[in-house]
Protein backbone atom coordinates (compact mmCIF):
# COMPACT_ATOMS: atom_id res chain seq x y z
CA MET A 1 104.16 127.45 79.66
CA GLU A 2 103.27 124.09 81.20
CA SER A 3 100.45 124.04 83.74
CA ILE A 4 101.33 122.28 87.00
CA ILE A 5 97.94 122.64 88.72
CA GLN A 6 94.58 123.08 87.02
CA THR A 7 91.20 122.96 88.72
CA TYR A 8 87.90 122.76 86.89
CA ASN A 9 84.61 123.78 88.54
CA LEU A 10 86.13 122.74 91.87
CA THR A 11 83.45 122.79 94.56
CA LYS A 12 83.22 121.67 98.17
CA THR A 13 79.88 121.73 99.97
CA TYR A 14 79.36 121.46 103.72
CA LYS A 15 75.82 121.54 105.14
CA ASN A 16 74.34 122.89 101.90
CA THR A 17 76.90 125.72 101.78
CA ASN A 18 79.53 125.92 99.07
CA VAL A 19 82.75 126.61 100.96
CA VAL A 20 84.56 126.46 97.62
CA ASP A 21 82.34 127.34 94.69
CA ASP A 22 83.08 126.45 91.06
CA LEU A 23 86.77 127.32 91.25
CA ASP A 24 88.98 127.36 88.14
CA LEU A 25 92.69 127.84 88.80
CA ASN A 26 95.68 127.54 86.49
CA ILE A 27 99.16 127.47 88.08
CA LYS A 28 102.04 127.29 85.60
CA ARG A 29 105.55 125.96 86.05
CA GLY A 30 107.97 128.48 87.50
CA GLN A 31 105.36 130.73 89.09
CA ILE A 32 104.97 131.91 92.64
CA TYR A 33 101.19 131.82 92.69
CA GLY A 34 99.60 133.88 95.45
CA PHE A 35 96.25 132.54 96.62
CA LEU A 36 94.76 135.48 98.46
CA GLY A 37 91.63 135.72 100.57
CA GLN A 38 90.21 136.60 103.95
CA ASN A 39 90.17 134.01 106.72
CA GLY A 40 87.32 131.62 105.90
CA ALA A 41 87.37 132.39 102.18
CA GLY A 42 88.00 128.72 101.26
CA LYS A 43 91.77 128.76 100.74
CA THR A 44 92.71 125.82 102.98
CA THR A 45 89.80 123.73 101.73
CA THR A 46 90.98 124.32 98.16
CA LEU A 47 94.55 123.27 99.00
CA ARG A 48 93.29 120.14 100.75
CA MET A 49 91.34 119.17 97.63
CA ILE A 50 94.37 119.79 95.41
CA LEU A 51 96.42 117.47 97.65
CA ASN A 52 93.65 114.84 97.70
CA LEU A 53 93.29 115.16 101.48
CA ILE A 54 89.56 115.72 101.00
CA LYS A 55 87.36 114.90 98.05
CA PRO A 56 85.57 117.64 96.11
CA SER A 57 81.80 117.68 95.98
CA ASN A 58 82.09 118.56 92.31
CA GLY A 59 84.76 119.33 89.73
CA GLU A 60 88.25 117.95 89.37
CA VAL A 61 91.94 118.65 89.87
CA LYS A 62 94.69 118.04 87.32
CA LEU A 63 98.28 117.80 88.63
CA PHE A 64 101.25 117.71 86.27
CA GLY A 65 98.82 116.98 83.45
CA GLU A 66 97.11 114.07 85.22
CA ILE A 67 93.51 113.84 86.37
CA ASN A 68 93.30 111.30 89.23
CA PRO A 69 97.06 111.67 89.64
CA SER A 70 99.20 108.70 90.61
CA ARG A 71 101.28 108.36 93.76
CA GLU A 72 104.35 109.26 91.73
CA VAL A 73 102.83 112.65 90.97
CA PHE A 74 102.29 113.41 94.64
CA LYS A 75 105.98 112.61 95.28
CA LYS A 76 106.75 115.74 93.26
CA ILE A 77 104.89 117.90 95.80
CA GLY A 78 105.94 119.29 99.16
CA ALA A 79 103.30 120.91 101.35
CA ILE A 80 102.51 122.68 104.60
CA ILE A 81 98.80 122.79 105.35
CA GLU A 82 97.83 124.82 108.41
CA TYR A 83 100.22 124.23 111.33
CA PRO A 84 102.79 121.49 110.71
CA GLY A 85 102.65 118.62 113.19
CA PHE A 86 105.71 116.88 114.64
CA TYR A 87 106.72 114.42 117.34
CA PRO A 88 107.25 116.90 120.20
CA ASN A 89 109.71 114.81 122.22
CA LEU A 90 112.08 114.35 119.28
CA THR A 91 114.49 116.89 117.83
CA GLY A 92 113.89 118.53 114.48
CA GLU A 93 116.60 116.39 112.90
CA GLU A 94 115.03 113.21 114.33
CA ASN A 95 111.64 114.23 112.95
CA LEU A 96 113.14 114.74 109.51
CA GLU A 97 114.96 111.41 109.76
CA ILE A 98 111.61 109.65 110.24
CA HIS A 99 110.22 111.51 107.25
CA ARG A 100 113.32 110.64 105.19
CA ARG A 101 112.76 106.95 105.82
CA MET A 102 109.05 107.19 105.06
CA MET A 103 109.85 108.90 101.77
CA GLN A 104 112.57 106.28 101.07
CA ILE A 105 115.19 108.97 100.54
CA GLU A 106 118.61 107.34 100.57
CA ASN A 107 120.83 110.40 100.98
CA LYS A 108 120.94 111.55 104.63
CA GLU A 109 122.57 114.83 103.57
CA TYR A 110 119.14 115.90 102.32
CA ILE A 111 118.22 116.61 105.96
CA LYS A 112 121.03 119.12 106.41
CA ASP A 113 120.27 120.73 103.04
CA ALA A 114 116.56 121.08 103.88
CA LEU A 115 117.22 122.57 107.33
CA GLU A 116 119.70 125.11 105.96
CA THR A 117 117.39 126.06 103.11
CA ALA A 118 114.54 126.63 105.57
CA GLY A 119 116.73 128.88 107.71
CA LEU A 120 117.42 126.53 110.64
CA ASP A 121 120.97 126.16 111.96
CA LEU A 122 121.53 122.45 112.57
CA SER A 123 124.25 123.04 115.18
CA ALA A 124 121.99 125.40 117.15
CA ILE A 125 119.03 123.00 117.24
CA LYS A 126 120.97 119.72 117.41
CA ASN A 127 119.66 118.65 120.82
CA LYS A 128 116.56 120.82 121.04
CA LYS A 129 113.26 118.98 121.15
CA VAL A 130 110.46 120.26 118.95
CA LYS A 131 108.22 120.88 121.98
CA ASN A 132 110.65 123.67 122.90
CA TYR A 133 110.54 125.27 119.44
CA SER A 134 108.85 128.60 118.91
CA LEU A 135 105.95 128.71 116.47
CA GLY A 136 108.22 130.34 113.93
CA MET A 137 110.81 127.57 114.27
CA LYS A 138 108.07 125.00 113.74
CA GLN A 139 107.06 126.81 110.56
CA ARG A 140 110.64 126.65 109.32
CA LEU A 141 110.89 122.98 110.27
CA GLY A 142 107.68 122.39 108.35
CA LEU A 143 109.24 124.02 105.30
CA ALA A 144 112.34 121.85 105.74
CA ARG A 145 110.19 118.72 105.79
CA ALA A 146 108.31 119.89 102.69
CA LEU A 147 111.65 120.40 100.90
CA LEU A 148 113.30 117.19 102.09
CA HIS A 149 112.56 115.14 98.97
CA LYS A 150 113.44 118.06 96.62
CA PRO A 151 109.95 118.59 95.18
CA GLU A 152 109.04 120.35 91.94
CA LEU A 153 105.99 121.99 93.54
CA LEU A 154 105.51 123.56 96.97
CA ILE A 155 102.04 124.15 98.39
CA LEU A 156 102.14 126.39 101.45
CA ASP A 157 99.21 127.41 103.60
CA GLU A 158 99.95 130.66 105.51
CA PRO A 159 103.68 129.83 105.88
CA THR A 160 104.59 133.10 107.64
CA ASN A 161 102.24 132.52 110.60
CA GLY A 162 104.12 132.99 113.85
CA LEU A 163 107.19 134.57 112.28
CA ASP A 164 108.60 137.88 113.43
CA PRO A 165 109.37 140.57 110.80
CA ILE A 166 112.91 139.27 110.26
CA GLY A 167 111.60 135.72 109.97
CA ILE A 168 108.97 136.81 107.46
CA LYS A 169 111.62 138.46 105.30
CA THR A 170 113.85 135.38 105.57
CA MET A 171 110.97 133.13 104.55
CA ARG A 172 110.09 135.43 101.66
CA ASP A 173 113.69 135.52 100.41
CA THR A 174 113.90 131.74 100.74
CA LEU A 175 110.78 131.17 98.65
CA ILE A 176 111.94 133.59 95.96
CA ASP A 177 115.28 131.77 95.77
CA LEU A 178 113.58 128.38 95.60
CA CYS A 179 111.58 129.56 92.62
CA ASN A 180 114.26 131.57 90.81
CA LYS A 181 117.32 129.43 91.50
CA LYS A 182 115.90 125.91 91.87
CA GLY A 183 112.89 126.20 89.57
CA ILE A 184 110.35 125.14 92.19
CA THR A 185 106.78 126.21 91.46
CA ILE A 186 105.10 127.62 94.57
CA LEU A 187 101.42 127.92 95.46
CA ILE A 188 101.15 130.03 98.60
CA SER A 189 97.94 131.00 100.36
CA SER A 190 97.74 134.00 102.65
CA HIS A 191 95.49 136.67 104.08
CA LEU A 192 98.54 138.93 104.44
CA LEU A 193 98.28 141.15 101.40
CA SER A 194 101.71 142.68 101.83
CA GLU A 195 103.37 139.25 101.73
CA ILE A 196 101.63 138.18 98.55
CA GLU A 197 102.44 141.53 97.00
CA HIS A 198 106.15 141.03 97.70
CA LEU A 199 106.22 137.42 96.50
CA ALA A 200 103.78 136.51 93.79
CA THR A 201 104.17 136.54 90.04
CA GLU A 202 100.49 135.57 89.65
CA ILE A 203 97.66 136.32 92.06
CA ALA A 204 94.25 134.71 92.53
CA ILE A 205 91.75 136.48 94.78
CA ILE A 206 89.09 134.29 96.40
CA HIS A 207 86.12 135.59 98.35
CA LYS A 208 83.42 133.47 99.98
CA GLY A 209 84.61 130.46 98.02
CA ARG A 210 84.49 132.09 94.60
CA LEU A 211 87.34 133.23 92.40
CA LEU A 212 87.05 136.97 91.86
CA GLU A 213 90.13 137.35 89.70
CA GLU A 214 93.25 135.58 88.51
CA ILE A 215 95.79 138.11 87.32
CA ASP A 216 99.47 138.47 86.51
CA TYR A 217 101.11 140.73 89.08
CA LYS A 218 102.64 142.93 86.38
CA GLU A 219 99.17 143.41 84.91
CA LEU A 220 97.87 144.27 88.37
CA GLN A 221 100.58 146.90 88.67
CA ARG A 222 99.48 148.35 85.34
CA LYS A 223 95.88 148.48 86.53
CA ASN A 224 96.76 150.33 89.69
CA ARG A 225 97.41 154.02 89.20
CA LYS A 226 99.26 156.84 90.83
CA TYR A 227 97.13 159.50 92.43
CA LEU A 228 97.32 162.69 94.44
CA LYS A 229 96.32 162.07 98.03
CA ILE A 230 94.77 165.24 99.45
CA LYS A 231 93.78 165.75 103.07
CA VAL A 232 91.58 168.80 103.60
CA SER A 233 89.35 170.43 106.20
CA ASP A 234 86.14 169.98 104.17
CA ASP A 235 85.97 167.13 101.65
CA LYS A 236 82.49 167.96 100.31
CA LYS A 237 83.40 171.53 99.45
CA ALA A 238 86.76 170.42 98.05
CA CYS A 239 85.09 167.86 95.77
CA PHE A 240 82.67 170.50 94.53
CA LEU A 241 85.60 172.75 93.60
CA LEU A 242 87.54 169.92 91.94
CA GLU A 243 84.58 169.03 89.77
CA ASN A 244 83.10 172.44 89.00
CA LYS A 245 86.11 174.76 89.00
CA LEU A 246 88.89 172.49 87.76
CA ASN A 247 86.78 169.99 85.81
CA PHE A 248 88.33 166.98 87.58
CA LYS A 249 85.96 164.01 87.38
CA ASP A 250 88.23 161.11 88.31
CA TYR A 251 88.45 161.30 92.09
CA GLU A 252 87.15 159.51 95.17
CA VAL A 253 86.77 160.20 98.87
CA THR A 254 88.36 157.23 100.65
CA GLU A 255 87.66 158.41 104.19
CA LYS A 256 86.53 161.62 105.86
CA ASN A 257 88.44 164.61 104.42
CA ILE A 258 90.81 162.43 102.38
CA ILE A 259 90.48 162.56 98.58
CA ARG A 260 92.29 160.68 95.84
CA VAL A 261 92.63 162.55 92.55
CA TYR A 262 93.66 160.35 89.62
CA GLY A 263 95.39 161.41 86.42
CA MET A 264 96.16 164.97 87.58
CA LEU A 265 99.60 164.59 89.13
CA ASP A 266 100.83 167.78 87.45
CA LYS A 267 97.93 169.88 88.75
CA SER A 268 98.94 170.06 92.40
CA ALA A 269 99.60 173.82 92.21
CA ALA A 270 96.17 174.49 90.71
CA ILE A 271 94.49 172.37 93.37
CA SER A 272 96.36 174.14 96.19
CA LYS A 273 95.41 177.53 94.74
CA ILE A 274 91.70 176.83 94.39
CA LEU A 275 91.50 175.37 97.90
CA ALA A 276 93.25 178.38 99.42
CA GLU A 277 91.03 180.83 97.53
CA ASN A 278 87.97 179.13 99.04
CA ASN A 279 89.27 178.96 102.61
CA ILE A 280 89.75 175.20 102.67
CA GLU A 281 92.76 174.13 104.70
CA LEU A 282 95.14 171.73 102.95
CA TYR A 283 96.79 169.44 105.51
CA GLU A 284 98.51 167.04 103.13
CA MET A 285 99.19 166.52 99.44
CA SER A 286 101.31 163.60 98.23
CA VAL A 287 101.69 161.27 95.26
CA SER A 288 100.71 157.69 96.09
CA LEU A 289 100.07 154.40 94.30
CA ASP A 290 97.23 151.93 94.71
CA ASN A 291 98.54 148.68 96.18
CA LEU A 292 97.21 145.15 96.34
CA GLU A 293 95.27 145.95 99.50
CA ASP A 294 93.40 148.75 97.73
CA TYR A 295 92.64 146.44 94.82
CA PHE A 296 91.45 143.65 97.12
CA VAL A 297 89.07 145.95 98.94
CA LYS A 298 87.68 147.21 95.64
CA LEU A 299 87.02 143.66 94.43
CA THR A 300 85.49 142.33 97.61
CA GLY A 301 83.72 145.52 98.60
CA GLY A 302 84.72 144.94 102.20
CA ALA A 303 87.40 144.77 104.84
CA VAL A 304 90.83 143.37 104.19
CA ASN A 305 90.69 140.64 106.82
CA ALA A 306 87.82 138.70 108.28
């Protein structure tokens, strides 16, 4: 599969600190590539270097097979980096009209198409100035502007910021359709693990500027395992019994009195019995599955969000 974005030893240094440190990414055509990391992990800096908005301190970026890509290559890319900026005293349509002329797009119908694709009703916002838009509406207008010239690649930095739950789902469905139905490759950064988990076909996890892992989401699903979640009155005594009476070695205490037992989904009756016989109260027992958040915490060894 053709690679659309490749970075090699990509590094950005500010005040003797590597904000992005020796980063190698490989985004292939047709992927929704989730770029996941805590706030301050180096995501936005990486996207700015990919778009040639800032220069790397070291390393290089290859876009559509070109190192030092031409202007024609950048015409294939639509992007939202941080909060999209607009002329506040103009309407959304007027803002897109300015962008259409700057991009030398002849067909004015592209404006209507872009607004509809981004989830904005042109009739409802016809006379509404952007200064009166909600943050979520501005995010959608930013997506419309990024789509206006019908790009092959979308680069989106935290595109669900400011959206309510319905707006987040609408944005998610829109991006999936853009990839699946229109063949647009999407690089999306986020600190919202649940959003990446619902969207991405490939996931890169960055922490303190360094790439911890680049993994296919299906492979990630295979790595994550089902487990019995047990909530008890005494986790130390329960763990002793699991290990010494039932010979269960693959378990972990995730928080006080909550234990995960892996690979023993059919042993719930035996676990209940041994706990009862030793006067340990069992408050909860359920089958669960590790998710992306669990995996992220394991890799980074810390909190989900900074």
